[in-house]
Amino acid sequence: MGFARTCSVALVGVEGVLVEVQADLEPGVAAFTLVGLPDKTLVESRDRVRAAVVNSGAEWPQKKLTVGLSPAAVPKSGSGFDLAVATAVLGAAESVDPAAIAGLVLIGELGLDGRVRPVRGVLPAVLAAAEAGYRQVVVPEQCAGEAALVPDVSVLGVRSLRQLIAVLTGADVPQEDPLATPGHPDPALAGLAVPGAARAAGLGPGQGVRGDLPDLADVAGQRAARRALEVAAAGGHHLFLTGPPGAGKTMLAERLPGIMPPLGRRESLEVTAVHSVAGMLPPGEPLVRAVPYCAPHHSASMQALVGGGNGLPRPGAVSLAHRGVLFLDEAPEFGPRALDALRQPLESGEVVVARSAGVMRLPARFLMVLAANPCPCGRHTLLGAGCDCPPSSVRRYQARLSGPLLDRVDLRVQVEPVTRSELLGQGGRGESSAAVAERVRRARDSAEARLEGTPWRANCEIPGHELRTRWQPAPGALAQAERELERGLLTARGLDRVLRVAWTVADLAGKERPDALDVAVALELRTGIARGVPLAAGGPS
């Protein structure tokens, strides 16, 4: 009778659950039983593991073999347990020392020839192992860079099961020839990314340097919209752009990541963990450093937006846009259920998806940008353009965006058609993204200094109660907003959001706290109603 144990990790969303892989050998008819709530992919690992062990030169035990995955109540899926199962079997057969594998966490898929293939979700899996107190992990060689992002963990990247057996037994480590030939992609990475998933989710191309992003100077005119974009980036406020086709709504949204502050180390790890689970990490780039930009098509389902699918849910667009921008172009064309499902993540910064197979919690703190035409034909606001839509059609079209959803949007801007002089550059090019990004950075630094010692980092995250009691504006600054609240033009949530925007406007202007002019600017940005104040008030335009 032989027994050995080692560890692996089961992923539930981007959270890992440590799983003890136990192998037990008993006299009897040769059989291989796998228990512990495995899914179909994991059940098939019996054949993969047996072939990999034999083809690696080790002897397969001809006894009754039982492999248990504990805790048994946690659903386990995927092929990432193969390496741990094979190692536990070898330990039970005493081909390797059982004591040497008891403190290891092993993650990886096995090919029939014994090669170790990469799997998704290595970063969150290693993070879970580190939190559980494990300091040694074994991963596929292609994923070693991703696993090494976790501090205080020793990472061993192996190319084959033969190499791992040699390391555990103290033998000479064999050299494995890479499968990829020079100038050709590595076939081991073929199943790591979901084909077309990044394009289907609307993810923009990964840009490593800020200079590769579209420049805000390319946008002609649109002073009010550019100012709203700057305020949105500085405070993390949601933005609603409405205007006729061709006015530049999409151009503005695409340039928003270029003026947002770069991701910090912690934020990069959060984003990388989500993209790793979704299978969207670019090859050779284990850490996502660029601000995510996700623009799903308006035919996307509710599951595609917030996460879901058969079995255990998968991350949706709101999670793929975590710490970045979620752009919903032609917002009224999205399904009503899909749009209203955004209400909860807009408030909490996370999404909780419950299915029969389990409950998954995913991060979803993003900056949402909505873009819409004023009517089905798009010419409703243009003088003399000949809009053919009847008033009832215009009302129905605009009502597709529900009131509770729009109440969570901080900034509403009418994007006007570009004039001939603006388009031909007679007024000169606008400010570049670099100049605007520098002001945004200074405003974010001011907010972070004010919020030091609190769990919040940006104005959009501060609860309304704290804004009204702990960080109060100048005396009398809220008089106009309070009148709007009494008249029913603002909700209680709307008043809090106006105050958050006012703080951002004050940060951009370098003020210690917002005054009445900053609140008036915030009210105009919130309601879209002109109030006789320059929209550039509180800072340069």
Protein backbone atom coordinates (compact mmCIF):
# COMPACT_ATOMS: atom_id res chain seq x y z
CA MET A 1 0.00 0.00 0.00
CA GLY A 2 1.34 3.43 -0.94
CA PHE A 3 0.09 6.94 -0.28
CA ALA A 4 1.27 10.41 -1.33
CA ARG A 5 -0.14 13.90 -1.41
CA THR A 6 0.65 17.15 -3.16
CA CYS A 7 -1.32 20.30 -4.00
CA SER A 8 -2.87 22.16 -6.89
CA VAL A 9 -5.36 25.03 -7.19
CA ALA A 10 -9.00 25.15 -8.36
CA LEU A 11 -10.12 28.50 -9.76
CA VAL A 12 -13.53 30.00 -9.03
CA GLY A 13 -13.52 33.17 -11.09
CA VAL A 14 -10.25 34.90 -10.22
CA GLU A 15 -10.14 33.41 -6.73
CA GLY A 16 -8.18 30.24 -6.09
CA VAL A 17 -9.02 27.39 -3.75
CA LEU A 18 -6.12 25.19 -2.68
CA VAL A 19 -6.79 21.53 -3.52
CA GLU A 20 -4.95 18.62 -1.94
CA VAL A 21 -4.32 15.88 -4.50
CA GLN A 22 -4.08 12.49 -2.76
CA ALA A 23 -3.04 9.22 -4.42
CA ASP A 24 -3.61 5.84 -2.80
CA LEU A 25 -2.40 2.44 -4.07
CA GLU A 26 -3.94 -0.79 -2.79
CA PRO A 27 -3.65 -4.43 -3.85
CA GLY A 28 -6.33 -5.48 -6.30
CA VAL A 29 -7.36 -5.35 -9.91
CA ALA A 30 -5.56 -2.53 -11.73
CA ALA A 31 -7.92 0.42 -11.96
CA PHE A 32 -7.75 4.22 -11.87
CA THR A 33 -10.51 6.08 -10.02
CA LEU A 34 -10.67 9.88 -9.76
CA VAL A 35 -12.96 11.37 -7.08
CA GLY A 36 -13.61 14.88 -5.73
CA LEU A 37 -16.24 16.48 -8.00
CA PRO A 38 -14.19 16.58 -11.25
CA ASP A 39 -15.68 17.80 -14.51
CA LYS A 40 -15.45 16.06 -17.87
CA THR A 41 -12.05 17.56 -18.73
CA LEU A 42 -10.62 16.48 -15.40
CA VAL A 43 -12.05 12.94 -15.69
CA GLU A 44 -10.23 12.60 -19.02
CA SER A 45 -6.95 13.34 -17.24
CA ARG A 46 -6.76 9.66 -16.25
CA ASP A 47 -5.79 8.70 -19.79
CA ARG A 48 -3.50 11.72 -20.24
CA VAL A 49 -1.67 11.06 -16.98
CA ARG A 50 -1.21 7.34 -17.62
CA ALA A 51 0.23 7.91 -21.10
CA ALA A 52 2.44 10.78 -19.90
CA VAL A 53 3.93 8.73 -17.05
CA VAL A 54 4.68 5.74 -19.30
CA ASN A 55 6.14 7.90 -22.08
CA SER A 56 8.33 9.69 -19.53
CA GLY A 57 10.13 6.45 -18.73
CA ALA A 58 8.45 5.79 -15.37
CA GLU A 59 6.57 2.63 -14.46
CA TRP A 60 2.81 2.82 -14.11
CA PRO A 61 1.66 1.00 -10.93
CA GLN A 62 -0.40 -2.12 -11.69
CA LYS A 63 -2.61 -1.81 -8.61
CA LYS A 64 -5.91 -0.32 -7.60
CA LEU A 65 -5.29 3.45 -7.79
CA THR A 66 -7.57 6.07 -6.24
CA VAL A 67 -6.87 9.79 -6.65
CA GLY A 68 -8.87 12.15 -4.45
CA LEU A 69 -9.22 15.90 -4.84
CA SER A 70 -9.95 17.55 -1.51
CA PRO A 71 -12.06 19.49 -0.54
CA ALA A 72 -14.53 17.30 -2.40
CA ALA A 73 -17.35 19.88 -2.24
CA VAL A 74 -15.54 22.40 -4.49
CA PRO A 75 -16.19 21.89 -8.23
CA LYS A 76 -12.97 21.32 -10.13
CA SER A 77 -12.54 21.86 -13.82
CA GLY A 78 -9.84 22.10 -16.43
CA SER A 79 -6.67 20.24 -17.24
CA GLY A 80 -4.42 22.14 -14.84
CA PHE A 81 -4.52 19.28 -12.31
CA ASP A 82 -2.70 16.83 -14.62
CA LEU A 83 0.79 17.59 -13.32
CA ALA A 84 -0.26 17.30 -9.67
CA VAL A 85 -2.13 14.02 -10.28
CA ALA A 86 0.84 12.47 -12.09
CA THR A 87 3.26 13.56 -9.37
CA ALA A 88 1.01 12.21 -6.60
CA VAL A 89 0.76 8.83 -8.41
CA LEU A 90 4.55 8.67 -8.76
CA GLY A 91 4.88 9.49 -5.06
CA ALA A 92 2.45 6.73 -4.08
CA ALA A 93 4.43 4.30 -6.27
CA GLU A 94 7.64 5.56 -4.56
CA SER A 95 9.15 6.58 -7.90
CA VAL A 96 9.73 9.92 -6.18
CA ASP A 97 9.98 10.74 -2.49
CA PRO A 98 6.47 11.45 -1.11
CA ALA A 99 7.94 13.90 1.41
CA ALA A 100 9.54 15.92 -1.40
CA ILE A 101 6.20 16.65 -3.08
CA ALA A 102 4.05 17.29 0.00
CA GLY A 103 4.97 20.99 0.12
CA LEU A 104 4.70 21.66 -3.61
CA VAL A 105 1.90 23.27 -5.59
CA LEU A 106 1.83 21.91 -9.15
CA ILE A 107 -0.12 23.44 -12.03
CA GLY A 108 -0.04 22.29 -15.63
CA GLU A 109 -1.56 20.13 -18.35
CA LEU A 110 0.19 16.99 -19.58
CA GLY A 111 0.45 15.87 -23.18
CA LEU A 112 0.50 12.18 -24.01
CA ASP A 113 4.25 12.43 -24.64
CA GLY A 114 4.87 13.82 -21.15
CA ARG A 115 5.34 17.45 -22.14
CA VAL A 116 3.86 20.05 -19.79
CA ARG A 117 1.52 22.43 -21.56
CA PRO A 118 0.48 25.90 -20.28
CA VAL A 119 -2.94 26.55 -18.76
CA ARG A 120 -5.02 29.63 -18.02
CA GLY A 121 -5.20 31.33 -14.65
CA VAL A 122 -1.64 30.68 -13.45
CA LEU A 123 -1.30 34.08 -11.74
CA PRO A 124 -4.45 33.84 -9.55
CA ALA A 125 -3.58 30.21 -8.81
CA VAL A 126 -0.09 31.11 -7.57
CA LEU A 127 -1.53 34.04 -5.58
CA ALA A 128 -3.89 31.61 -3.83
CA ALA A 129 -1.00 29.26 -3.09
CA ALA A 130 1.07 32.09 -1.62
CA GLU A 131 -1.83 33.23 0.57
CA ALA A 132 -2.16 29.65 1.85
CA GLY A 133 1.49 29.69 2.92
CA TYR A 134 3.10 27.67 0.11
CA ARG A 135 6.42 28.95 -1.17
CA GLN A 136 7.28 26.47 -3.94
CA VAL A 137 5.27 26.09 -7.14
CA VAL A 138 5.87 24.14 -10.33
CA VAL A 139 4.31 25.50 -13.52
CA PRO A 140 4.77 25.05 -17.29
CA GLU A 141 7.87 26.77 -18.60
CA GLN A 142 5.79 29.14 -20.76
CA CYS A 143 3.91 30.35 -17.64
CA ALA A 144 6.96 30.81 -15.39
CA GLY A 145 7.09 34.56 -16.08
CA GLU A 146 3.45 34.97 -15.07
CA ALA A 147 3.94 32.93 -11.88
CA ALA A 148 7.08 34.90 -10.99
CA LEU A 149 4.99 38.07 -10.60
CA VAL A 150 3.96 36.82 -7.15
CA PRO A 151 6.58 37.85 -4.55
CA ASP A 152 8.19 35.47 -2.06
CA VAL A 153 7.39 32.37 -4.11
CA SER A 154 10.00 30.07 -5.68
CA VAL A 155 8.89 29.16 -9.21
CA LEU A 156 10.14 26.16 -11.15
CA GLY A 157 9.22 26.12 -14.83
CA VAL A 158 9.38 22.66 -16.42
CA ARG A 159 9.05 21.64 -20.03
CA SER A 160 8.20 17.97 -19.40
CA LEU A 161 7.33 15.45 -16.72
CA ARG A 162 10.76 13.88 -17.26
CA GLN A 163 12.42 17.08 -16.13
CA LEU A 164 10.28 17.26 -12.99
CA ILE A 165 11.06 13.62 -12.08
CA ALA A 166 14.77 14.34 -12.52
CA VAL A 167 14.58 17.39 -10.24
CA LEU A 168 12.70 15.44 -7.55
CA THR A 169 15.06 12.44 -7.69
CA GLY A 170 18.28 14.44 -7.96
CA ALA A 171 19.15 13.02 -11.38
CA ASP A 172 20.53 14.98 -14.32
CA VAL A 173 17.79 17.13 -15.85
CA PRO A 174 17.24 16.10 -19.49
CA GLN A 175 17.15 18.76 -22.18
CA GLU A 176 13.86 18.91 -24.03
CA ASP A 177 13.81 20.36 -27.52
CA PRO A 178 11.20 23.09 -27.91
CA LEU A 179 8.21 22.23 -30.06
CA ALA A 180 8.25 25.62 -31.76
CA THR A 181 10.57 26.13 -34.69
CA PRO A 182 12.19 29.54 -35.25
CA GLY A 183 9.77 31.91 -36.94
CA HIS A 184 6.70 29.84 -36.06
CA PRO A 185 4.30 30.10 -33.08
CA ASP A 186 4.61 27.66 -30.21
CA PRO A 187 1.96 24.93 -30.69
CA ALA A 188 1.79 24.48 -26.92
CA LEU A 189 0.15 27.90 -26.71
CA ALA A 190 -2.55 27.02 -29.24
CA GLY A 191 -5.25 26.21 -26.69
CA LEU A 192 -4.23 28.76 -24.08
CA ALA A 193 -6.16 31.67 -25.61
CA VAL A 194 -9.78 31.40 -26.64
CA PRO A 195 -9.84 31.88 -30.44
CA GLY A 196 -11.29 35.29 -31.27
CA ALA A 197 -12.23 35.97 -27.64
CA ALA A 198 -10.41 39.28 -27.41
CA ARG A 199 -12.00 40.54 -30.61
CA ALA A 200 -15.44 39.30 -29.57
CA ALA A 201 -15.13 41.07 -26.21
CA GLY A 202 -14.10 44.28 -27.95
CA LEU A 203 -10.69 44.43 -26.31
CA GLY A 204 -8.41 46.98 -27.87
CA PRO A 205 -4.91 45.91 -28.87
CA GLY A 206 -2.48 45.72 -25.97
CA GLN A 207 -0.37 48.84 -26.11
CA GLY A 208 2.82 48.74 -24.12
CA VAL A 209 3.70 52.42 -24.40
CA ARG A 210 1.48 55.46 -24.15
CA GLY A 211 2.78 56.87 -27.42
CA ASP A 212 1.13 54.03 -29.34
CA LEU A 213 -2.36 55.15 -28.26
CA PRO A 214 -4.51 57.49 -30.39
CA ASP A 215 -3.78 61.14 -29.63
CA LEU A 216 -6.45 63.52 -28.36
CA ALA A 217 -4.98 66.19 -30.62
CA ASP A 218 -6.54 64.34 -33.58
CA VAL A 219 -10.02 65.37 -32.39
CA ALA A 220 -11.16 68.56 -34.09
CA GLY A 221 -13.11 71.04 -31.96
CA GLN A 222 -15.31 69.53 -29.22
CA ARG A 223 -14.06 71.73 -26.37
CA ALA A 224 -16.88 70.70 -24.02
CA ALA A 225 -16.49 66.99 -24.79
CA ARG A 226 -12.71 67.15 -24.39
CA ARG A 227 -13.13 68.85 -21.02
CA ALA A 228 -15.63 66.18 -19.93
CA LEU A 229 -13.15 63.51 -21.01
CA GLU A 230 -10.48 65.11 -18.84
CA VAL A 231 -12.79 65.26 -15.81
CA ALA A 232 -13.82 61.63 -16.36
CA ALA A 233 -10.19 60.48 -16.46
CA ALA A 234 -9.18 62.53 -13.43
CA GLY A 235 -11.96 61.29 -11.18
CA GLY A 236 -13.00 57.97 -12.73
CA HIS A 237 -16.48 59.30 -13.54
CA HIS A 238 -18.86 57.61 -15.97
CA LEU A 239 -19.61 59.51 -19.19
CA PHE A 240 -22.55 59.69 -21.60
CA LEU A 241 -21.87 61.15 -25.06
CA THR A 242 -24.85 61.94 -27.24
CA GLY A 243 -24.83 63.50 -30.67
CA PRO A 244 -25.39 62.93 -34.39
CA PRO A 245 -23.42 60.32 -36.35
CA GLY A 246 -19.93 61.41 -37.36
CA ALA A 247 -19.53 64.01 -34.60
CA GLY A 248 -16.59 62.16 -33.01
CA LYS A 249 -18.07 60.20 -30.10
CA THR A 250 -16.09 57.04 -30.85
CA MET A 251 -12.90 59.02 -31.48
CA LEU A 252 -13.21 60.63 -28.06
CA ALA A 253 -13.83 57.32 -26.28
CA GLU A 254 -10.88 55.63 -27.98
CA ARG A 255 -8.56 58.36 -26.70
CA LEU A 256 -9.68 58.14 -23.09
CA PRO A 257 -7.18 55.38 -22.10
CA GLY A 258 -4.35 57.59 -23.36
CA ILE A 259 -5.05 60.30 -20.76
CA MET A 260 -5.82 58.00 -17.82
CA PRO A 261 -3.11 57.40 -15.19
CA PRO A 262 -0.99 54.29 -15.85
CA LEU A 263 -1.75 51.16 -13.88
CA GLY A 264 0.11 50.68 -10.63
CA ARG A 265 1.67 47.37 -9.63
CA ARG A 266 -1.37 46.19 -7.68
CA GLU A 267 -3.79 47.25 -10.41
CA SER A 268 -1.68 45.51 -13.06
CA LEU A 269 -1.83 42.27 -11.07
CA GLU A 270 -5.62 42.56 -10.75
CA VAL A 271 -6.04 43.11 -14.48
CA THR A 272 -3.56 40.37 -15.36
CA ALA A 273 -5.41 37.87 -13.15
CA VAL A 274 -8.71 38.51 -14.96
CA HIS A 275 -7.16 38.33 -18.41
CA SER A 276 -5.26 35.18 -17.47
CA VAL A 277 -8.45 33.38 -16.40
CA ALA A 278 -10.18 34.55 -19.59
CA GLY A 279 -7.29 33.29 -21.75
CA MET A 280 -6.52 36.73 -23.18
CA LEU A 281 -2.96 37.38 -22.05
CA PRO A 282 -0.75 38.26 -25.03
CA PRO A 283 2.02 35.69 -25.61
CA GLY A 284 5.28 36.77 -24.02
CA GLU A 285 3.62 39.52 -21.93
CA PRO A 286 2.89 38.08 -18.48
CA LEU A 287 1.94 41.45 -16.95
CA VAL A 288 -0.73 43.78 -18.35
CA ARG A 289 0.58 47.33 -18.01
CA ALA A 290 -1.73 49.22 -20.38
CA VAL A 291 -5.13 50.56 -19.31
CA PRO A 292 -7.73 48.08 -20.63
CA TYR A 293 -10.18 49.29 -23.27
CA CYS A 294 -13.17 47.06 -23.95
CA ALA A 295 -15.82 47.93 -26.56
CA PRO A 296 -18.28 45.03 -27.03
CA HIS A 297 -20.70 45.02 -29.96
CA HIS A 298 -24.27 46.05 -29.21
CA SER A 299 -25.45 42.50 -29.98
CA ALA A 300 -23.60 41.21 -26.87
CA SER A 301 -25.75 39.24 -24.43
CA MET A 302 -26.08 39.88 -20.73
CA GLN A 303 -23.70 36.97 -20.03
CA ALA A 304 -21.12 38.46 -22.40
CA LEU A 305 -21.30 41.79 -20.58
CA VAL A 306 -21.36 40.81 -16.90
CA GLY A 307 -20.04 37.24 -17.09
CA GLY A 308 -21.66 33.84 -17.23
CA GLY A 309 -21.93 30.83 -19.44
CA ASN A 310 -22.49 27.13 -18.95
CA GLY A 311 -21.11 25.55 -15.78
CA LEU A 312 -18.83 27.85 -13.84
CA PRO A 313 -19.23 31.43 -15.13
CA ARG A 314 -16.46 33.16 -17.07
CA PRO A 315 -15.44 36.85 -16.93
CA GLY A 316 -17.50 39.24 -19.02
CA ALA A 317 -16.73 42.60 -20.59
CA VAL A 318 -17.18 44.50 -17.30
CA SER A 319 -14.39 42.41 -15.72
CA LEU A 320 -12.15 42.56 -18.79
CA ALA A 321 -12.46 46.36 -18.53
CA HIS A 322 -11.47 46.33 -14.82
CA ARG A 323 -9.32 49.40 -14.04
CA GLY A 324 -9.94 50.59 -17.59
CA VAL A 325 -12.63 51.80 -19.97
CA LEU A 326 -15.85 50.03 -20.99
CA PHE A 327 -17.20 51.71 -24.12
CA LEU A 328 -20.77 50.93 -25.16
CA ASP A 329 -21.22 52.44 -28.60
CA GLU A 330 -24.80 52.70 -29.88
CA ALA A 331 -25.91 52.11 -26.28
CA PRO A 332 -29.69 52.13 -27.00
CA GLU A 333 -29.18 49.15 -29.33
CA PHE A 334 -28.03 46.93 -26.45
CA GLY A 335 -30.61 44.66 -24.86
CA PRO A 336 -32.49 46.25 -21.92
CA ARG A 337 -31.63 43.33 -19.61
CA ALA A 338 -27.97 43.56 -20.55
CA LEU A 339 -27.83 47.30 -19.81
CA ASP A 340 -29.72 47.08 -16.53
CA ALA A 341 -27.39 44.29 -15.39
CA LEU A 342 -24.67 46.96 -15.27
CA ARG A 343 -26.33 48.77 -12.36
CA GLN A 344 -24.85 46.63 -9.59
CA PRO A 345 -21.21 46.59 -10.80
CA LEU A 346 -21.38 50.35 -11.44
CA GLU A 347 -22.11 50.87 -7.74
CA SER A 348 -20.06 48.13 -6.06
CA GLY A 349 -17.07 47.75 -8.39
CA GLU A 350 -17.55 43.98 -8.58
CA VAL A 351 -19.98 41.52 -10.11
CA VAL A 352 -21.38 38.44 -8.41
CA VAL A 353 -22.61 35.73 -10.77
CA ALA A 354 -24.58 32.87 -9.25
CA ARG A 355 -25.06 29.60 -11.13
CA SER A 356 -26.00 26.07 -10.11
CA ALA A 357 -22.33 25.08 -10.36
CA GLY A 358 -21.22 27.81 -7.96
CA VAL A 359 -21.04 31.51 -7.16
CA MET A 360 -18.29 33.63 -8.67
CA ARG A 361 -17.13 37.10 -7.62
CA LEU A 362 -15.22 39.10 -10.22
CA PRO A 363 -13.68 42.59 -10.03
CA ALA A 364 -15.45 45.15 -12.19
CA ARG A 365 -14.29 48.67 -11.31
CA PHE A 366 -14.33 50.36 -14.69
CA LEU A 367 -15.03 53.72 -16.27
CA MET A 368 -18.12 53.40 -18.44
CA VAL A 369 -18.58 55.51 -21.56
CA LEU A 370 -21.98 55.42 -23.29
CA ALA A 371 -22.48 56.81 -26.79
CA ALA A 372 -25.85 57.28 -28.47
CA ASN A 373 -27.54 59.06 -31.33
CA PRO A 374 -30.43 61.38 -30.45
CA CYS A 375 -32.91 59.32 -32.51
CA PRO A 376 -33.00 56.28 -34.80
CA CYS A 377 -31.94 58.30 -37.86
CA GLY A 378 -29.45 60.41 -35.86
CA ARG A 379 -30.50 63.79 -37.26
CA HIS A 380 -32.94 64.88 -34.54
CA THR A 381 -30.71 67.63 -33.11
CA LEU A 382 -29.50 68.97 -36.47
CA LEU A 383 -31.25 72.07 -37.78
CA GLY A 384 -32.54 71.59 -41.30
CA ALA A 385 -31.25 68.01 -41.53
CA GLY A 386 -34.67 66.53 -42.20
CA CYS A 387 -35.21 64.13 -39.30
CA ASP A 388 -37.98 61.71 -40.32
CA CYS A 389 -38.53 60.19 -36.88
CA PRO A 390 -41.92 60.90 -35.28
CA PRO A 391 -41.81 62.23 -31.69
CA SER A 392 -43.08 58.92 -30.31
CA SER A 393 -40.22 57.07 -32.01
CA VAL A 394 -37.67 59.51 -30.60
CA ARG A 395 -39.11 59.07 -27.09
CA ARG A 396 -39.05 55.28 -27.34
CA TYR A 397 -35.48 55.33 -28.63
CA GLN A 398 -34.23 57.56 -25.84
CA ALA A 399 -36.18 55.58 -23.22
CA ARG A 400 -34.14 52.44 -24.02
CA LEU A 401 -31.58 53.76 -21.54
CA SER A 402 -33.40 53.40 -18.23
CA GLY A 403 -33.52 56.13 -15.62
CA PRO A 404 -31.74 54.10 -12.91
CA LEU A 405 -28.85 53.42 -15.32
CA LEU A 406 -28.50 57.06 -16.36
CA ASP A 407 -28.71 58.13 -12.71
CA ARG A 408 -25.39 56.32 -12.23
CA VAL A 409 -23.73 58.36 -15.01
CA ASP A 410 -21.87 61.42 -13.74
CA LEU A 411 -21.22 63.36 -16.95
CA ARG A 412 -23.60 63.95 -19.86
CA VAL A 413 -22.27 65.84 -22.85
CA GLN A 414 -23.86 66.84 -26.14
CA VAL A 415 -21.30 66.25 -28.89
CA GLU A 416 -21.94 68.91 -31.52
CA PRO A 417 -21.16 68.47 -35.23
CA VAL A 418 -17.71 69.73 -36.20
CA THR A 419 -17.67 73.01 -38.10
CA ARG A 420 -15.80 73.51 -41.36
CA SER A 421 -13.15 75.75 -39.77
CA GLU A 422 -12.53 73.24 -36.98
CA LEU A 423 -12.28 70.31 -39.36
CA LEU A 424 -9.85 72.09 -41.67
CA GLY A 425 -7.63 73.01 -38.73
CA GLN A 426 -7.98 76.76 -39.07
CA GLY A 427 -8.05 77.09 -35.28
CA GLY A 428 -4.97 74.93 -34.79
CA ARG A 429 -4.71 71.46 -33.32
CA GLY A 430 -6.08 70.80 -29.88
CA GLU A 431 -4.07 69.73 -26.85
CA SER A 432 -2.22 66.46 -27.07
CA SER A 433 -2.98 63.47 -24.87
CA ALA A 434 0.34 63.96 -23.09
CA ALA A 435 -0.56 67.49 -21.94
CA VAL A 436 -4.00 66.44 -20.72
CA ALA A 437 -2.60 63.29 -19.07
CA GLU A 438 -0.18 65.42 -17.05
CA ARG A 439 -3.06 67.49 -15.61
CA VAL A 440 -4.99 64.30 -14.91
CA ARG A 441 -1.97 62.85 -13.09
CA ARG A 442 -1.65 65.95 -10.89
CA ALA A 443 -5.36 65.82 -10.06
CA ARG A 444 -5.13 62.11 -9.17
CA ASP A 445 -2.10 62.82 -6.98
CA SER A 446 -4.07 65.51 -5.12
CA ALA A 447 -6.97 63.12 -4.57
CA GLU A 448 -4.68 60.32 -3.38
CA ALA A 449 -2.93 62.64 -0.94
CA ARG A 450 -6.30 63.72 0.47
CA LEU A 451 -7.51 60.11 0.71
CA GLU A 452 -4.32 58.74 2.26
CA GLY A 453 -5.14 56.30 5.05
CA THR A 454 -8.55 55.42 3.58
CA PRO A 455 -9.55 52.47 1.36
CA TRP A 456 -10.32 54.86 -1.54
CA ARG A 457 -7.96 56.18 -4.18
CA ALA A 458 -10.16 58.24 -6.54
CA ASN A 459 -13.06 60.64 -6.12
CA CYS A 460 -15.50 58.23 -7.78
CA GLU A 461 -14.96 55.67 -4.98
CA ILE A 462 -15.76 57.91 -1.99
CA PRO A 463 -19.14 57.19 -0.34
CA GLY A 464 -21.57 60.09 -0.27
CA HIS A 465 -21.76 60.18 3.53
CA GLU A 466 -18.01 60.70 3.76
CA LEU A 467 -18.16 63.49 1.18
CA ARG A 468 -20.89 65.32 3.09
CA THR A 469 -19.32 64.99 6.54
CA ARG A 470 -15.56 64.43 6.27
CA TRP A 471 -14.60 66.43 3.18
CA GLN A 472 -16.99 69.35 2.97
CA PRO A 473 -16.96 71.92 0.15
CA ALA A 474 -16.70 75.66 0.71
CA PRO A 475 -19.58 77.26 2.65
CA GLY A 476 -22.61 77.81 0.41
CA ALA A 477 -21.10 75.87 -2.49
CA LEU A 478 -23.95 73.34 -2.54
CA ALA A 479 -26.80 75.87 -2.45
CA GLN A 480 -27.69 75.45 -6.13
CA ALA A 481 -27.43 71.65 -5.97
CA GLU A 482 -29.65 71.57 -2.87
CA ARG A 483 -32.31 73.59 -4.71
CA GLU A 484 -32.15 71.08 -7.58
CA LEU A 485 -32.66 68.28 -5.04
CA GLU A 486 -35.71 69.99 -3.49
CA ARG A 487 -37.25 70.51 -6.92
CA GLY A 488 -36.83 66.83 -7.75
CA LEU A 489 -34.32 67.43 -10.54
CA LEU A 490 -31.61 65.57 -8.62
CA THR A 491 -31.81 62.34 -6.66
CA ALA A 492 -29.87 61.73 -3.46
CA ARG A 493 -27.44 59.60 -5.49
CA GLY A 494 -27.24 62.38 -8.06
CA LEU A 495 -26.29 64.92 -5.40
CA ASP A 496 -23.46 62.69 -4.20
CA ARG A 497 -22.21 62.27 -7.74
CA VAL A 498 -22.32 66.03 -8.35
CA LEU A 499 -20.20 66.49 -5.25
CA ARG A 500 -17.67 63.90 -6.46
CA VAL A 501 -17.39 65.64 -9.83
CA ALA A 502 -17.00 69.01 -8.09
CA TRP A 503 -14.05 67.63 -6.12
CA THR A 504 -12.47 66.43 -9.36
CA VAL A 505 -12.96 69.84 -10.99
CA ALA A 506 -11.34 71.44 -7.93
CA ASP A 507 -8.42 68.97 -8.07
CA LEU A 508 -7.82 69.84 -11.73
CA ALA A 509 -7.74 73.53 -10.77
CA GLY A 510 -5.40 72.93 -7.82
CA LYS A 511 -7.92 74.09 -5.21
CA GLU A 512 -8.09 72.79 -1.65
CA ARG A 513 -11.85 72.24 -1.87
CA PRO A 514 -14.65 72.94 -4.37
CA ASP A 515 -16.46 76.26 -4.40
CA ALA A 516 -19.80 77.30 -5.90
CA LEU A 517 -18.33 77.63 -9.41
CA ASP A 518 -16.95 74.07 -9.30
CA VAL A 519 -20.34 72.75 -8.18
CA ALA A 520 -22.04 74.69 -10.99
CA VAL A 521 -19.67 73.11 -13.51
CA ALA A 522 -20.42 69.69 -12.01
CA LEU A 523 -24.15 70.34 -12.26
CA GLU A 524 -23.86 71.33 -15.91
CA LEU A 525 -21.82 68.22 -16.66
CA ARG A 526 -24.32 66.09 -14.72
CA THR A 527 -27.53 67.42 -16.26
CA GLY A 528 -26.33 68.64 -19.65
CA ILE A 529 -28.21 71.91 -19.04
CA ALA A 530 -26.25 75.13 -19.64
CA ARG A 531 -25.99 77.23 -16.49
CA GLY A 532 -24.05 80.23 -17.73
CA VAL A 533 -20.67 79.06 -16.48
CA PRO A 534 -17.66 78.30 -18.66
CA LEU A 535 -17.29 74.53 -18.89
CA ALA A 536 -13.55 74.97 -18.60
CA ALA A 537 -13.98 76.56 -15.18
CA GLY A 538 -11.76 75.07 -12.55
CA GLY A 539 -8.88 74.34 -14.89
CA PRO A 540 -7.48 74.83 -18.36
CA SER A 541 -9.42 73.70 -21.35
